Amino acid sequence: MTQSFLSIKDVSKTFGTVQAVDGLSLDIRKNEFFALLGASGSGKTTLLRMLAGFEDLSAGDITLEGTSIAGLAPNQRPLNLMFQSYALFPHMTVAQNIAYGLEMDRLPKAEIAARVNEILEVIQLGHLAKRKPEQLSGGQRQRVALARALVKRPKVLLLDEPLGALDKKLRSEMQLELKRLQHEFGITFIIVTHDQEEALVMADRIAIMKDGKLLQVGTPHDIYEAPQSKFAADFIGVMNFLPVEKKGTNFVGADGSVIRSESVTEIAKNGAAIAAIRPERLHVTGTGENQLSGEIAAVAYHGLDLLLHIKTPLSDTPVISRMTADEADGHAPEVGQSITVQWSAKDTHIFPN
């Protein structure tokens, strides 16, 4: 049996009467880009702080390469935490900020200079080494903070919402930059985020947390295409939910139509359930085991595609269908227009209501 690189074993954390993390167990692989994803209050940041040593464990253990680190102080752990605020020293230059941790470790000056120069080349900021943080853009400050964490060559880098302060365009660029640096350094990255797109783009695997517990762990593809609960389905991406009822071997909608599915989780005893379908799986052309008809209530233009909001008898909430620009050119959808969409049984997930 292969030994886990970083193992979180039955870890709990309580603050008074609040259970922030509840008996959580998780194994993280070496050189993996791992994302902890959840809403505010899910326990993801508390878990990250326990890994870093800034919060004590109420119960459980954390081991790195088979050795417990739960009792070690933060500066004794071979992990580095990069804060959301970046926490750069305003009076220091870029090079001095990066060198600070190495100086605290009392490394020889020649080694410090070599390491700083090396990482400045990696983050492509060598030409800005003598600037102060206030003279840098948001993306440049983010890279300096990342370099300061990486220059110490930790076995694990912990990132707490590292892109939260950036605008959307820069955020997208830095997602790919983080992925590149993680691959280049071969260090395990653990990122905490509430941004689902960020987790899908960067992570090798994702853990969805809710109320201090793990709901699902898997690759971005698994999490998106095969959610194991209604919460996970709703939290990642856009999802349509249609109330259905189990009658015999069928699931029936409010208008009596049968909704066919190849993916059914355990259903509540009263037979009440929810059918879930991604907007991109609904098509105005082609065929499928399922179909619904309705009236277009709104059309949202997104450049590459359109989102059609369709009023149907199956739900009080409009059903959303994604249409590509090419499809829209051929159909010219308009508000008030009647429309029928089809989808496959394999794209329908059934969850307890």
Protein backbone atom coordinates (compact mmCIF):
# COMPACT_ATOMS: atom_id res chain seq x y z
CA MET A 1 0.00 0.00 0.00
CA THR A 2 1.40 3.43 -1.00
CA GLN A 3 1.85 5.83 1.91
CA SER A 4 -0.13 9.04 1.61
CA PHE A 5 1.95 12.22 1.26
CA LEU A 6 -0.27 14.47 3.41
CA SER A 7 -2.90 12.73 5.50
CA ILE A 8 -5.67 14.42 7.49
CA LYS A 9 -7.12 11.85 9.90
CA ASP A 10 -10.46 12.36 11.67
CA VAL A 11 -9.67 16.03 12.28
CA SER A 12 -12.13 18.18 14.21
CA LYS A 13 -12.09 21.78 15.39
CA THR A 14 -14.56 23.43 17.74
CA PHE A 15 -14.83 27.07 18.75
CA GLY A 16 -17.02 27.02 21.87
CA THR A 17 -20.26 25.43 20.69
CA VAL A 18 -19.43 25.86 16.98
CA GLN A 19 -18.17 22.77 15.13
CA ALA A 20 -16.00 24.33 12.40
CA VAL A 21 -14.49 21.05 11.16
CA ASP A 22 -16.21 17.76 11.95
CA GLY A 23 -14.29 14.46 11.85
CA LEU A 24 -12.74 15.16 8.45
CA SER A 25 -10.38 12.68 6.78
CA LEU A 26 -8.53 13.39 3.53
CA ASP A 27 -5.39 12.20 1.73
CA ILE A 28 -3.51 14.60 -0.55
CA ARG A 29 -0.90 13.36 -3.03
CA LYS A 30 2.62 14.55 -3.62
CA ASN A 31 2.96 17.28 -6.29
CA GLU A 32 -0.84 17.62 -6.46
CA PHE A 33 -2.76 20.85 -6.99
CA PHE A 34 -5.62 20.38 -4.56
CA ALA A 35 -8.58 22.74 -4.02
CA LEU A 36 -10.76 23.08 -0.92
CA LEU A 37 -14.02 24.52 -2.20
CA GLY A 38 -17.01 25.67 -0.20
CA ALA A 39 -19.18 28.58 0.84
CA SER A 40 -18.31 30.89 3.75
CA GLY A 41 -18.52 28.97 7.00
CA SER A 42 -17.87 25.57 5.41
CA GLY A 43 -14.64 25.08 7.41
CA LYS A 44 -12.17 25.26 4.53
CA THR A 45 -10.09 28.15 5.91
CA THR A 46 -10.09 26.64 9.41
CA LEU A 47 -8.75 23.40 7.92
CA LEU A 48 -6.04 25.33 6.06
CA ARG A 49 -5.01 27.13 9.26
CA MET A 50 -4.78 23.81 11.09
CA LEU A 51 -2.50 22.50 8.35
CA ALA A 52 -0.34 25.62 8.71
CA GLY A 53 -0.24 25.33 12.51
CA PHE A 54 -2.15 28.54 13.27
CA GLU A 55 -5.05 26.60 14.81
CA ASP A 56 -4.76 23.65 17.20
CA LEU A 57 -6.70 20.47 16.47
CA SER A 58 -9.58 19.61 18.80
CA ALA A 59 -9.24 15.98 17.70
CA GLY A 60 -7.48 13.89 15.06
CA ASP A 61 -4.02 14.06 13.50
CA ILE A 62 -2.19 15.44 10.47
CA THR A 63 0.78 13.55 9.06
CA LEU A 64 3.27 14.52 6.36
CA GLU A 65 5.14 11.63 4.76
CA GLY A 66 4.08 9.42 7.65
CA THR A 67 5.20 11.77 10.45
CA SER A 68 2.75 13.71 12.61
CA ILE A 69 3.07 17.50 12.34
CA ALA A 70 0.04 18.31 14.52
CA GLY A 71 2.18 19.33 17.50
CA LEU A 72 4.68 21.46 15.57
CA ALA A 73 4.72 25.25 15.59
CA PRO A 74 4.08 26.96 12.21
CA ASN A 75 7.78 27.79 11.70
CA GLN A 76 8.73 24.16 12.32
CA ARG A 77 6.50 22.76 9.59
CA PRO A 78 7.78 22.26 6.02
CA LEU A 79 4.70 24.17 4.79
CA ASN A 80 4.22 27.79 3.80
CA LEU A 81 1.00 29.77 3.87
CA MET A 82 0.37 32.55 1.37
CA PHE A 83 -2.21 35.00 2.71
CA GLN A 84 -4.98 36.60 0.67
CA SER A 85 -3.65 40.08 1.52
CA TYR A 86 -0.13 39.09 0.29
CA ALA A 87 1.32 40.80 3.46
CA LEU A 88 4.27 42.34 1.64
CA PHE A 89 6.53 44.73 3.56
CA PRO A 90 5.93 48.18 2.01
CA HIS A 91 9.36 49.54 2.98
CA MET A 92 11.22 46.65 1.31
CA THR A 93 11.99 46.10 -2.36
CA VAL A 94 10.73 43.10 -4.30
CA ALA A 95 14.06 41.30 -3.80
CA GLN A 96 14.15 42.12 -0.09
CA ASN A 97 10.58 40.86 0.42
CA ILE A 98 11.46 37.57 -1.25
CA ALA A 99 14.70 37.20 0.70
CA TYR A 100 13.15 37.93 4.11
CA GLY A 101 12.22 34.36 5.05
CA LEU A 102 15.63 33.05 4.00
CA GLU A 103 17.33 35.71 6.11
CA MET A 104 15.24 34.68 9.13
CA ASP A 105 16.52 31.12 8.54
CA ARG A 106 20.07 32.56 8.63
CA LEU A 107 21.10 31.10 5.27
CA PRO A 108 24.44 32.26 3.78
CA LYS A 109 24.15 35.55 1.85
CA ALA A 110 25.42 33.96 -1.35
CA GLU A 111 22.76 31.24 -1.22
CA ILE A 112 20.05 33.81 -0.48
CA ALA A 113 21.08 35.93 -3.47
CA ALA A 114 21.19 32.88 -5.76
CA ARG A 115 17.75 31.67 -4.70
CA VAL A 116 16.18 35.13 -5.01
CA ASN A 117 17.64 35.67 -8.48
CA GLU A 118 16.48 32.22 -9.55
CA ILE A 119 12.89 32.73 -8.48
CA LEU A 120 12.76 36.27 -9.88
CA GLU A 121 13.47 34.73 -13.28
CA VAL A 122 10.77 32.11 -12.77
CA ILE A 123 8.12 34.73 -11.94
CA GLN A 124 9.51 36.97 -14.69
CA LEU A 125 10.02 40.00 -12.43
CA GLY A 126 13.81 40.27 -12.43
CA HIS A 127 13.60 43.72 -14.00
CA LEU A 128 11.46 44.94 -11.06
CA ALA A 129 13.66 43.58 -8.25
CA LYS A 130 14.39 47.04 -6.84
CA ARG A 131 10.83 48.34 -6.86
CA LYS A 132 8.63 48.69 -3.76
CA PRO A 133 5.23 46.93 -3.57
CA GLU A 134 3.33 50.20 -4.10
CA GLN A 135 5.02 50.51 -7.51
CA LEU A 136 3.65 47.15 -8.68
CA SER A 137 0.34 46.07 -10.21
CA GLY A 138 -1.98 43.69 -8.37
CA GLY A 139 -0.79 40.74 -10.43
CA GLN A 140 2.87 41.61 -9.84
CA ARG A 141 2.33 41.85 -6.06
CA GLN A 142 0.60 38.48 -6.17
CA ARG A 143 3.62 36.95 -7.90
CA VAL A 144 6.03 38.48 -5.38
CA ALA A 145 4.02 37.02 -2.48
CA LEU A 146 4.03 33.66 -4.24
CA ALA A 147 7.80 33.87 -4.83
CA ARG A 148 8.41 34.69 -1.16
CA ALA A 149 6.54 31.52 -0.21
CA LEU A 150 8.19 29.32 -2.85
CA VAL A 151 11.76 30.52 -2.32
CA LYS A 152 11.90 28.60 0.98
CA ARG A 153 11.18 25.41 -0.99
CA PRO A 154 8.38 24.07 1.22
CA LYS A 155 6.98 20.59 0.70
CA VAL A 156 3.45 22.05 0.69
CA LEU A 157 2.26 25.53 -0.23
CA LEU A 158 -1.05 26.63 1.29
CA LEU A 159 -2.95 29.39 -0.51
CA ASP A 160 -5.90 31.19 1.09
CA GLU A 161 -8.01 32.86 -1.62
CA PRO A 162 -4.81 34.07 -3.34
CA LEU A 163 -6.59 35.67 -6.31
CA GLY A 164 -9.47 37.27 -4.43
CA ALA A 165 -8.17 40.85 -4.80
CA LEU A 166 -7.65 40.70 -8.58
CA ASP A 167 -10.03 41.78 -11.35
CA LYS A 168 -11.62 39.13 -13.56
CA LYS A 169 -9.18 39.36 -16.49
CA LEU A 170 -6.08 39.31 -14.31
CA ARG A 171 -7.60 36.58 -12.18
CA SER A 172 -7.94 34.35 -15.26
CA GLU A 173 -4.32 35.02 -16.26
CA MET A 174 -3.02 34.27 -12.76
CA GLN A 175 -4.94 31.00 -12.57
CA LEU A 176 -2.82 29.69 -15.44
CA GLU A 177 0.31 31.28 -13.95
CA LEU A 178 -0.24 29.49 -10.63
CA LYS A 179 -0.74 26.21 -12.46
CA ARG A 180 2.49 26.76 -14.42
CA LEU A 181 4.51 27.56 -11.30
CA GLN A 182 3.11 24.58 -9.42
CA HIS A 183 4.10 22.27 -12.27
CA GLU A 184 7.54 23.88 -12.60
CA PHE A 185 8.38 23.63 -8.90
CA GLY A 186 6.77 20.23 -8.35
CA ILE A 187 5.37 21.31 -4.97
CA THR A 188 2.02 20.24 -3.54
CA PHE A 189 -0.36 23.21 -3.66
CA ILE A 190 -3.49 23.35 -1.49
CA ILE A 191 -5.75 26.27 -2.36
CA VAL A 192 -8.81 27.47 -0.47
CA THR A 193 -11.40 29.18 -2.63
CA HIS A 194 -15.12 29.80 -2.91
CA ASP A 195 -14.72 30.40 -6.66
CA GLN A 196 -15.87 27.27 -8.47
CA GLU A 197 -14.38 28.30 -11.82
CA GLU A 198 -11.01 28.88 -10.16
CA ALA A 199 -11.06 25.37 -8.68
CA LEU A 200 -12.12 23.75 -11.96
CA VAL A 201 -9.37 25.50 -13.95
CA MET A 202 -6.44 24.93 -11.58
CA ALA A 203 -6.99 21.84 -9.45
CA ASP A 204 -6.05 18.22 -10.10
CA ARG A 205 -8.66 17.29 -7.51
CA ILE A 206 -11.34 19.21 -5.61
CA ALA A 207 -12.91 18.67 -2.19
CA ILE A 208 -16.33 20.24 -1.66
CA MET A 209 -16.96 21.14 1.98
CA LYS A 210 -20.17 22.00 3.82
CA ASP A 211 -20.67 22.53 7.56
CA GLY A 212 -17.20 21.24 8.34
CA LYS A 213 -17.64 17.98 6.45
CA LEU A 214 -16.49 16.62 3.10
CA LEU A 215 -19.33 16.16 0.62
CA GLN A 216 -17.32 14.94 -2.37
CA VAL A 217 -13.72 14.59 -3.54
CA GLY A 218 -12.77 14.06 -7.17
CA THR A 219 -11.27 15.46 -10.35
CA PRO A 220 -12.86 18.62 -11.80
CA HIS A 221 -14.52 16.42 -14.44
CA ASP A 222 -15.95 14.05 -11.83
CA ILE A 223 -17.19 16.89 -9.62
CA TYR A 224 -18.87 18.69 -12.53
CA GLU A 225 -20.24 15.77 -14.51
CA ALA A 226 -21.06 13.35 -11.67
CA PRO A 227 -22.12 15.31 -8.55
CA GLN A 228 -23.06 13.02 -5.67
CA SER A 229 -25.54 15.35 -3.97
CA LYS A 230 -27.94 18.15 -4.80
CA PHE A 231 -25.69 20.59 -2.92
CA ALA A 232 -22.62 19.63 -4.96
CA ALA A 233 -24.64 19.84 -8.19
CA ASP A 234 -25.90 23.30 -7.28
CA PHE A 235 -22.56 24.60 -5.98
CA ILE A 236 -20.52 23.79 -9.09
CA GLY A 237 -21.63 25.53 -12.27
CA VAL A 238 -25.21 26.24 -13.31
CA MET A 239 -27.80 23.49 -12.86
CA ASN A 240 -31.49 23.19 -13.64
CA PHE A 241 -33.61 21.51 -10.96
CA LEU A 242 -36.99 20.00 -11.79
CA PRO A 243 -39.25 18.55 -9.04
CA VAL A 244 -40.21 14.95 -9.86
CA GLU A 245 -41.92 12.06 -8.07
CA LYS A 246 -41.03 8.38 -8.24
CA LYS A 247 -43.98 6.34 -9.50
CA GLY A 248 -43.14 2.69 -9.98
CA THR A 249 -39.92 2.61 -11.98
CA ASN A 250 -40.43 6.09 -13.45
CA PHE A 251 -39.79 9.67 -12.33
CA VAL A 252 -42.70 11.93 -13.29
CA GLY A 253 -42.78 15.72 -13.56
CA ALA A 254 -45.55 18.11 -12.50
CA ASP A 255 -47.20 17.87 -15.94
CA GLY A 256 -47.18 14.06 -15.91
CA SER A 257 -44.22 13.71 -18.27
CA VAL A 258 -41.65 11.00 -17.59
CA ILE A 259 -38.08 12.18 -16.88
CA ARG A 260 -35.58 9.47 -17.77
CA SER A 261 -32.21 9.16 -16.05
CA GLU A 262 -29.23 6.83 -15.85
CA SER A 263 -27.91 8.47 -12.66
CA VAL A 264 -30.09 8.05 -9.57
CA THR A 265 -28.93 8.52 -5.97
CA GLU A 266 -30.85 7.16 -2.98
CA ILE A 267 -34.38 8.60 -3.06
CA ALA A 268 -36.37 9.71 -0.02
CA LYS A 269 -39.03 7.25 1.18
CA ASN A 270 -41.91 9.49 0.07
CA GLY A 271 -40.62 9.35 -3.51
CA ALA A 272 -40.08 13.11 -3.79
CA ALA A 273 -36.99 13.85 -5.85
CA ILE A 274 -35.20 16.45 -7.94
CA ALA A 275 -34.03 15.99 -11.53
CA ALA A 276 -30.89 17.98 -12.32
CA ILE A 277 -29.67 18.88 -15.84
CA ARG A 278 -26.85 21.19 -16.96
CA PRO A 279 -27.92 24.00 -19.38
CA GLU A 280 -25.38 22.90 -22.00
CA ARG A 281 -27.00 19.45 -22.15
CA LEU A 282 -30.33 20.90 -23.34
CA HIS A 283 -30.50 21.15 -27.14
CA VAL A 284 -33.00 22.70 -29.54
CA THR A 285 -31.84 20.35 -32.28
CA GLY A 286 -31.28 16.60 -32.36
CA THR A 287 -33.04 13.94 -30.32
CA GLY A 288 -32.99 12.69 -26.73
CA GLU A 289 -34.89 10.45 -24.35
CA ASN A 290 -36.25 13.54 -22.59
CA GLN A 291 -37.87 16.71 -23.86
CA LEU A 292 -39.75 19.68 -22.53
CA SER A 293 -41.60 22.53 -24.15
CA GLY A 294 -42.13 26.05 -22.96
CA GLU A 295 -41.91 29.74 -23.76
CA ILE A 296 -38.74 31.83 -23.82
CA ALA A 297 -38.98 34.32 -20.94
CA ALA A 298 -35.55 35.94 -21.39
CA VAL A 299 -32.46 35.73 -23.60
CA ALA A 300 -29.06 36.53 -22.05
CA TYR A 301 -26.25 37.20 -24.52
CA HIS A 302 -22.77 36.09 -23.34
CA GLY A 303 -20.76 36.52 -26.54
CA LEU A 304 -19.78 32.91 -27.17
CA ASP A 305 -23.24 31.66 -26.28
CA LEU A 306 -26.78 32.58 -25.27
CA LEU A 307 -28.62 31.52 -22.14
CA LEU A 308 -32.33 30.97 -22.79
CA HIS A 309 -34.63 31.22 -19.75
CA ILE A 310 -37.63 29.02 -20.53
CA LYS A 311 -40.94 29.01 -18.66
CA THR A 312 -42.26 25.44 -18.40
CA PRO A 313 -45.02 23.65 -16.44
CA LEU A 314 -42.37 21.50 -14.72
CA SER A 315 -41.03 24.19 -12.40
CA ASP A 316 -41.78 27.66 -11.02
CA THR A 317 -38.20 28.60 -11.87
CA PRO A 318 -37.36 29.05 -15.57
CA VAL A 319 -35.23 26.30 -17.11
CA ILE A 320 -31.93 27.57 -18.52
CA SER A 321 -30.67 26.25 -21.83
CA ARG A 322 -27.29 27.21 -23.29
CA MET A 323 -27.21 27.84 -27.03
CA THR A 324 -24.02 28.45 -28.99
CA ALA A 325 -23.68 31.47 -31.23
CA ASP A 326 -23.81 29.20 -34.30
CA GLU A 327 -27.04 27.57 -33.08
CA ALA A 328 -28.52 30.99 -32.34
CA ASP A 329 -27.76 32.15 -35.90
CA GLY A 330 -29.92 29.32 -37.18
CA HIS A 331 -32.82 29.72 -34.74
CA ALA A 332 -32.88 33.45 -33.73
CA PRO A 333 -34.53 32.91 -30.30
CA GLU A 334 -36.84 35.69 -29.12
CA VAL A 335 -38.75 36.39 -25.92
CA GLY A 336 -42.28 34.95 -26.11
CA GLN A 337 -41.29 32.30 -28.65
CA SER A 338 -42.36 28.68 -28.06
CA ILE A 339 -39.46 26.26 -27.85
CA THR A 340 -38.79 22.56 -27.25
CA VAL A 341 -35.48 21.25 -25.90
CA GLN A 342 -34.24 17.66 -25.73
CA TRP A 343 -31.61 15.96 -23.61
CA SER A 344 -30.21 12.50 -22.94
CA ALA A 345 -31.08 10.25 -19.99
CA LYS A 346 -27.35 9.99 -19.18
CA ASP A 347 -27.29 13.76 -18.56
CA THR A 348 -30.11 13.66 -15.96
CA HIS A 349 -29.13 13.30 -12.29
CA ILE A 350 -31.84 12.37 -9.77
CA PHE A 351 -31.38 13.45 -6.12
CA PRO A 352 -33.62 13.29 -3.03
CA ASN A 353 -35.66 16.45 -2.62
